[in-house]
Amino acid sequence: MAVSPGRVELVRLDPATGDEQATEPVGEEPTDVAIGSDDVWVANAGSDNVSRVDPSGGGAREADTIAVGGHPSALAAAENGVWVPNRDDQNVMFIDAQLSRLSGRPIDARPRPNDLVLGAGLLWVADNGNSEGTSFDPATREPEGDAVAARA
């Protein structure tokens, strides 16, 4: 699976040849793809939402487009959903896969959260506003330790 900022679709590629097999419509300005246990998720920065696509070819249904806030820039798939940083809203939100909607309170991640990853039991959020990274406990949504400055 791949997205291209010049297209508004998710492209299914043949793993052996890299040839395009099929496309699925998604929102405007897709910026990232995450593969969950049962779904493919696409962050759509231009339409401020996330598309949820059935990897078996069922496509994105209207109910599977979830509004998330200003400029979702990345995704981190979890066992039960997906985490989304919203740069313009300065937060990180969670979409519950079972409910197909936002769940719980947003994480305050100022000034500009732009990328994230799950690892070592924590949610790590990178911020291009201050070149720092902060870890959060996904269960409590509270910071774990001090922010870490990025070094070149």
C-alpha atoms as a PDB file:
ATOM      1  CA  MET A   1       0.000   0.000   0.000  1.00  0.00           C
ATOM      2  CA  ALA A   2       1.183   3.531  -0.729  1.00  0.00           C
ATOM      3  CA  VAL A   3      -0.124   7.084  -0.895  1.00  0.00           C
ATOM      4  CA  SER A   4       1.093   9.958  -2.991  1.00  0.00           C
ATOM      5  CA  PRO A   5       0.423  13.603  -2.047  1.00  0.00           C
ATOM      6  CA  GLY A   6      -0.482  14.276  -5.689  1.00  0.00           C
ATOM      7  CA  ARG A   7      -3.292  11.692  -5.595  1.00  0.00           C
ATOM      8  CA  VAL A   8      -6.366  11.239  -3.397  1.00  0.00           C
ATOM      9  CA  GLU A   9      -6.233   7.477  -3.293  1.00  0.00           C
ATOM     10  CA  LEU A  10      -4.521   4.591  -1.604  1.00  0.00           C
ATOM     11  CA  VAL A  11      -2.655   2.453  -4.122  1.00  0.00           C
ATOM     12  CA  ARG A  12      -2.433  -1.320  -3.702  1.00  0.00           C
ATOM     13  CA  LEU A  13       0.884  -2.567  -5.115  1.00  0.00           C
ATOM     14  CA  ASP A  14       1.900  -6.062  -6.150  1.00  0.00           C
ATOM     15  CA  PRO A  15       4.590  -7.018  -3.592  1.00  0.00           C
ATOM     16  CA  ALA A  16       6.616  -8.957  -6.169  1.00  0.00           C
ATOM     17  CA  THR A  17       6.615  -6.453  -9.034  1.00  0.00           C
ATOM     18  CA  GLY A  18       5.632  -3.124  -7.478  1.00  0.00           C
ATOM     19  CA  ASP A  19       2.954  -2.773 -10.143  1.00  0.00           C
ATOM     20  CA  GLU A  20      -0.281  -0.980  -9.275  1.00  0.00           C
ATOM     21  CA  GLN A  21      -3.095  -3.485  -8.640  1.00  0.00           C
ATOM     22  CA  ALA A  22      -5.949  -1.356  -7.372  1.00  0.00           C
ATOM     23  CA  THR A  23      -6.802   1.997  -5.835  1.00  0.00           C
ATOM     24  CA  GLU A  24      -9.094   3.043  -2.993  1.00  0.00           C
ATOM     25  CA  PRO A  25     -10.380   6.621  -2.596  1.00  0.00           C
ATOM     26  CA  VAL A  26      -9.171   8.536   0.455  1.00  0.00           C
ATOM     27  CA  GLY A  27      -9.260  12.184   1.566  1.00  0.00           C
ATOM     28  CA  GLU A  28      -7.334  15.158   0.267  1.00  0.00           C
ATOM     29  CA  GLU A  29      -3.553  15.384   0.643  1.00  0.00           C
ATOM     30  CA  PRO A  30      -2.823  11.937   2.106  1.00  0.00           C
ATOM     31  CA  THR A  31       0.329  12.122   4.224  1.00  0.00           C
ATOM     32  CA  ASP A  32       0.821   8.746   5.920  1.00  0.00           C
ATOM     33  CA  VAL A  33      -0.329   5.121   5.986  1.00  0.00           C
ATOM     34  CA  ALA A  34      -0.436   2.728   8.942  1.00  0.00           C
ATOM     35  CA  ILE A  35      -1.290  -0.967   8.861  1.00  0.00           C
ATOM     36  CA  GLY A  36      -3.355  -2.190  11.812  1.00  0.00           C
ATOM     37  CA  SER A  37      -4.408  -5.727  12.666  1.00  0.00           C
ATOM     38  CA  ASP A  38      -7.543  -5.531  10.482  1.00  0.00           C
ATOM     39  CA  ASP A  39      -7.348  -2.159   8.727  1.00  0.00           C
ATOM     40  CA  VAL A  40      -5.242   0.197   6.671  1.00  0.00           C
ATOM     41  CA  TRP A  41      -5.388   3.786   7.965  1.00  0.00           C
ATOM     42  CA  VAL A  42      -4.599   6.908   5.899  1.00  0.00           C
ATOM     43  CA  ALA A  43      -3.982  10.390   7.366  1.00  0.00           C
ATOM     44  CA  ASN A  44      -5.485  13.060   5.085  1.00  0.00           C
ATOM     45  CA  ALA A  45      -3.979  16.468   5.950  1.00  0.00           C
ATOM     46  CA  GLY A  46      -5.977  18.366   3.325  1.00  0.00           C
ATOM     47  CA  SER A  47      -9.370  17.174   4.538  1.00  0.00           C
ATOM     48  CA  ASP A  48      -8.515  16.950   8.278  1.00  0.00           C
ATOM     49  CA  ASN A  49      -9.573  13.316   8.578  1.00  0.00           C
ATOM     50  CA  VAL A  50      -8.396   9.718   8.586  1.00  0.00           C
ATOM     51  CA  SER A  51      -9.637   7.109   6.117  1.00  0.00           C
ATOM     52  CA  ARG A  52     -10.076   3.534   7.290  1.00  0.00           C
ATOM     53  CA  VAL A  53      -9.677   1.049   4.432  1.00  0.00           C
ATOM     54  CA  ASP A  54     -10.486  -2.653   4.383  1.00  0.00           C
ATOM     55  CA  PRO A  55      -7.252  -4.356   3.199  1.00  0.00           C
ATOM     56  CA  SER A  56      -9.214  -7.182   1.590  1.00  0.00           C
ATOM     57  CA  GLY A  57     -10.378  -4.758  -1.080  1.00  0.00           C
ATOM     58  CA  GLY A  58     -13.655  -3.653   0.493  1.00  0.00           C
ATOM     59  CA  GLY A  59     -12.682   0.021   0.156  1.00  0.00           C
ATOM     60  CA  ALA A  60     -13.230   3.004   2.390  1.00  0.00           C
ATOM     61  CA  ARG A  61     -16.858   3.410   3.351  1.00  0.00           C
ATOM     62  CA  GLU A  62     -18.366   6.776   4.263  1.00  0.00           C
ATOM     63  CA  ALA A  63     -18.651   5.645   7.908  1.00  0.00           C
ATOM     64  CA  ASP A  64     -14.933   4.930   7.891  1.00  0.00           C
ATOM     65  CA  THR A  65     -13.813   8.515   7.324  1.00  0.00           C
ATOM     66  CA  ILE A  66     -13.143   9.985  10.765  1.00  0.00           C
ATOM     67  CA  ALA A  67     -12.741  13.744  11.321  1.00  0.00           C
ATOM     68  CA  VAL A  68      -9.738  14.293  13.591  1.00  0.00           C
ATOM     69  CA  GLY A  69      -8.787  17.966  13.611  1.00  0.00           C
ATOM     70  CA  GLY A  70      -6.292  20.272  11.989  1.00  0.00           C
ATOM     71  CA  HIS A  71      -3.714  18.744   9.662  1.00  0.00           C
ATOM     72  CA  PRO A  72      -3.214  15.095  10.667  1.00  0.00           C
ATOM     73  CA  SER A  73       0.370  14.438   9.624  1.00  0.00           C
ATOM     74  CA  ALA A  74       1.193  10.862  10.649  1.00  0.00           C
ATOM     75  CA  LEU A  75      -0.222   7.658  12.142  1.00  0.00           C
ATOM     76  CA  ALA A  76       0.851   4.984  14.622  1.00  0.00           C
ATOM     77  CA  ALA A  77      -1.204   1.788  14.561  1.00  0.00           C
ATOM     78  CA  ALA A  78      -2.005   0.131  17.871  1.00  0.00           C
ATOM     79  CA  GLU A  79      -3.690  -3.216  18.482  1.00  0.00           C
ATOM     80  CA  ASN A  80      -7.081  -1.564  19.008  1.00  0.00           C
ATOM     81  CA  GLY A  81      -6.882   1.529  16.803  1.00  0.00           C
ATOM     82  CA  VAL A  82      -4.593   4.285  15.596  1.00  0.00           C
ATOM     83  CA  TRP A  83      -2.904   7.396  17.087  1.00  0.00           C
ATOM     84  CA  VAL A  84      -2.981  10.648  15.075  1.00  0.00           C
ATOM     85  CA  PRO A  85      -1.001  13.884  15.649  1.00  0.00           C
ATOM     86  CA  ASN A  86      -2.836  17.063  14.583  1.00  0.00           C
ATOM     87  CA  ARG A  87      -0.269  19.785  13.921  1.00  0.00           C
ATOM     88  CA  ASP A  88      -2.694  22.717  13.737  1.00  0.00           C
ATOM     89  CA  ASP A  89      -4.635  21.676  16.859  1.00  0.00           C
ATOM     90  CA  GLN A  90      -1.422  20.865  18.776  1.00  0.00           C
ATOM     91  CA  ASN A  91      -2.653  17.511  20.021  1.00  0.00           C
ATOM     92  CA  VAL A  92      -2.595  13.756  19.509  1.00  0.00           C
ATOM     93  CA  MET A  93      -5.860  11.812  19.291  1.00  0.00           C
ATOM     94  CA  PHE A  94      -6.805   8.134  19.311  1.00  0.00           C
ATOM     95  CA  ILE A  95      -9.279   6.449  16.964  1.00  0.00           C
ATOM     96  CA  ASP A  96     -10.819   3.316  18.466  1.00  0.00           C
ATOM     97  CA  ALA A  97     -11.042   0.650  15.730  1.00  0.00           C
ATOM     98  CA  GLN A  98     -14.033  -1.112  17.258  1.00  0.00           C
ATOM     99  CA  LEU A  99     -16.043   2.127  17.540  1.00  0.00           C
ATOM    100  CA  SER A 100     -14.613   3.721  14.356  1.00  0.00           C
ATOM    101  CA  ARG A 101     -14.473   7.101  16.122  1.00  0.00           C
ATOM    102  CA  LEU A 102     -12.273   9.238  18.345  1.00  0.00           C
ATOM    103  CA  SER A 103     -11.911   7.911  21.864  1.00  0.00           C
ATOM    104  CA  GLY A 104     -10.672   9.487  25.094  1.00  0.00           C
ATOM    105  CA  ARG A 105      -9.213  12.912  25.688  1.00  0.00           C
ATOM    106  CA  PRO A 106      -6.632  14.411  23.322  1.00  0.00           C
ATOM    107  CA  ILE A 107      -2.995  14.552  24.405  1.00  0.00           C
ATOM    108  CA  ASP A 108      -1.653  18.118  24.595  1.00  0.00           C
ATOM    109  CA  ALA A 109       1.464  17.972  22.396  1.00  0.00           C
ATOM    110  CA  ARG A 110       2.456  21.603  21.804  1.00  0.00           C
ATOM    111  CA  PRO A 111       3.670  23.324  19.780  1.00  0.00           C
ATOM    112  CA  ARG A 112       3.532  21.243  16.524  1.00  0.00           C
ATOM    113  CA  PRO A 113       3.316  17.437  16.792  1.00  0.00           C
ATOM    114  CA  ASN A 114       4.184  16.026  13.388  1.00  0.00           C
ATOM    115  CA  ASP A 115       5.207  12.388  13.802  1.00  0.00           C
ATOM    116  CA  LEU A 116       4.831   9.547  16.281  1.00  0.00           C
ATOM    117  CA  VAL A 117       5.654   5.909  16.930  1.00  0.00           C
ATOM    118  CA  LEU A 118       4.707   3.252  19.481  1.00  0.00           C
ATOM    119  CA  GLY A 119       7.627   1.508  21.147  1.00  0.00           C
ATOM    120  CA  ALA A 120       8.746   0.130  24.511  1.00  0.00           C
ATOM    121  CA  GLY A 121       5.181   0.485  25.801  1.00  0.00           C
ATOM    122  CA  LEU A 122       5.127   4.238  25.150  1.00  0.00           C
ATOM    123  CA  LEU A 123       3.808   6.624  22.503  1.00  0.00           C
ATOM    124  CA  TRP A 124       6.705   8.777  21.271  1.00  0.00           C
ATOM    125  CA  VAL A 125       5.717  12.124  19.706  1.00  0.00           C
ATOM    126  CA  ALA A 126       8.113  14.210  17.602  1.00  0.00           C
ATOM    127  CA  ASP A 127       7.540  17.949  17.424  1.00  0.00           C
ATOM    128  CA  ASN A 128       8.852  20.056  14.552  1.00  0.00           C
ATOM    129  CA  GLY A 129       7.958  23.259  16.415  1.00  0.00           C
ATOM    130  CA  ASN A 130      10.715  22.827  19.000  1.00  0.00           C
ATOM    131  CA  SER A 131      12.739  19.857  17.650  1.00  0.00           C
ATOM    132  CA  GLU A 132      11.926  17.749  20.696  1.00  0.00           C
ATOM    133  CA  GLY A 133      10.387  14.368  21.318  1.00  0.00           C
ATOM    134  CA  THR A 134       8.153  13.446  24.237  1.00  0.00           C
ATOM    135  CA  SER A 135       6.999  10.038  25.415  1.00  0.00           C
ATOM    136  CA  PHE A 136       3.479   9.415  26.715  1.00  0.00           C
ATOM    137  CA  ASP A 137       1.832   6.492  28.465  1.00  0.00           C
ATOM    138  CA  PRO A 138      -0.894   5.426  25.992  1.00  0.00           C
ATOM    139  CA  ALA A 139      -3.191   4.298  28.828  1.00  0.00           C
ATOM    140  CA  THR A 140      -3.041   7.450  30.958  1.00  0.00           C
ATOM    141  CA  ARG A 141      -2.082   9.874  28.140  1.00  0.00           C
ATOM    142  CA  GLU A 142       0.337  11.532  30.559  1.00  0.00           C
ATOM    143  CA  PRO A 143       3.970  12.411  29.726  1.00  0.00           C
ATOM    144  CA  GLU A 144       6.626   9.932  30.816  1.00  0.00           C
ATOM    145  CA  GLY A 145       9.816  11.773  31.684  1.00  0.00           C
ATOM    146  CA  ASP A 146      11.291  14.930  30.186  1.00  0.00           C
ATOM    147  CA  ALA A 147      11.226  15.960  26.533  1.00  0.00           C
ATOM    148  CA  VAL A 148      14.294  14.926  24.551  1.00  0.00           C
ATOM    149  CA  ALA A 149      15.927  17.430  22.192  1.00  0.00           C
ATOM    150  CA  ALA A 150      16.812  16.251  18.696  1.00  0.00           C
ATOM    151  CA  ARG A 151      20.495  16.492  17.768  1.00  0.00           C
ATOM    152  CA  ALA A 152      21.898  16.799  14.261  1.00  0.00           C
END
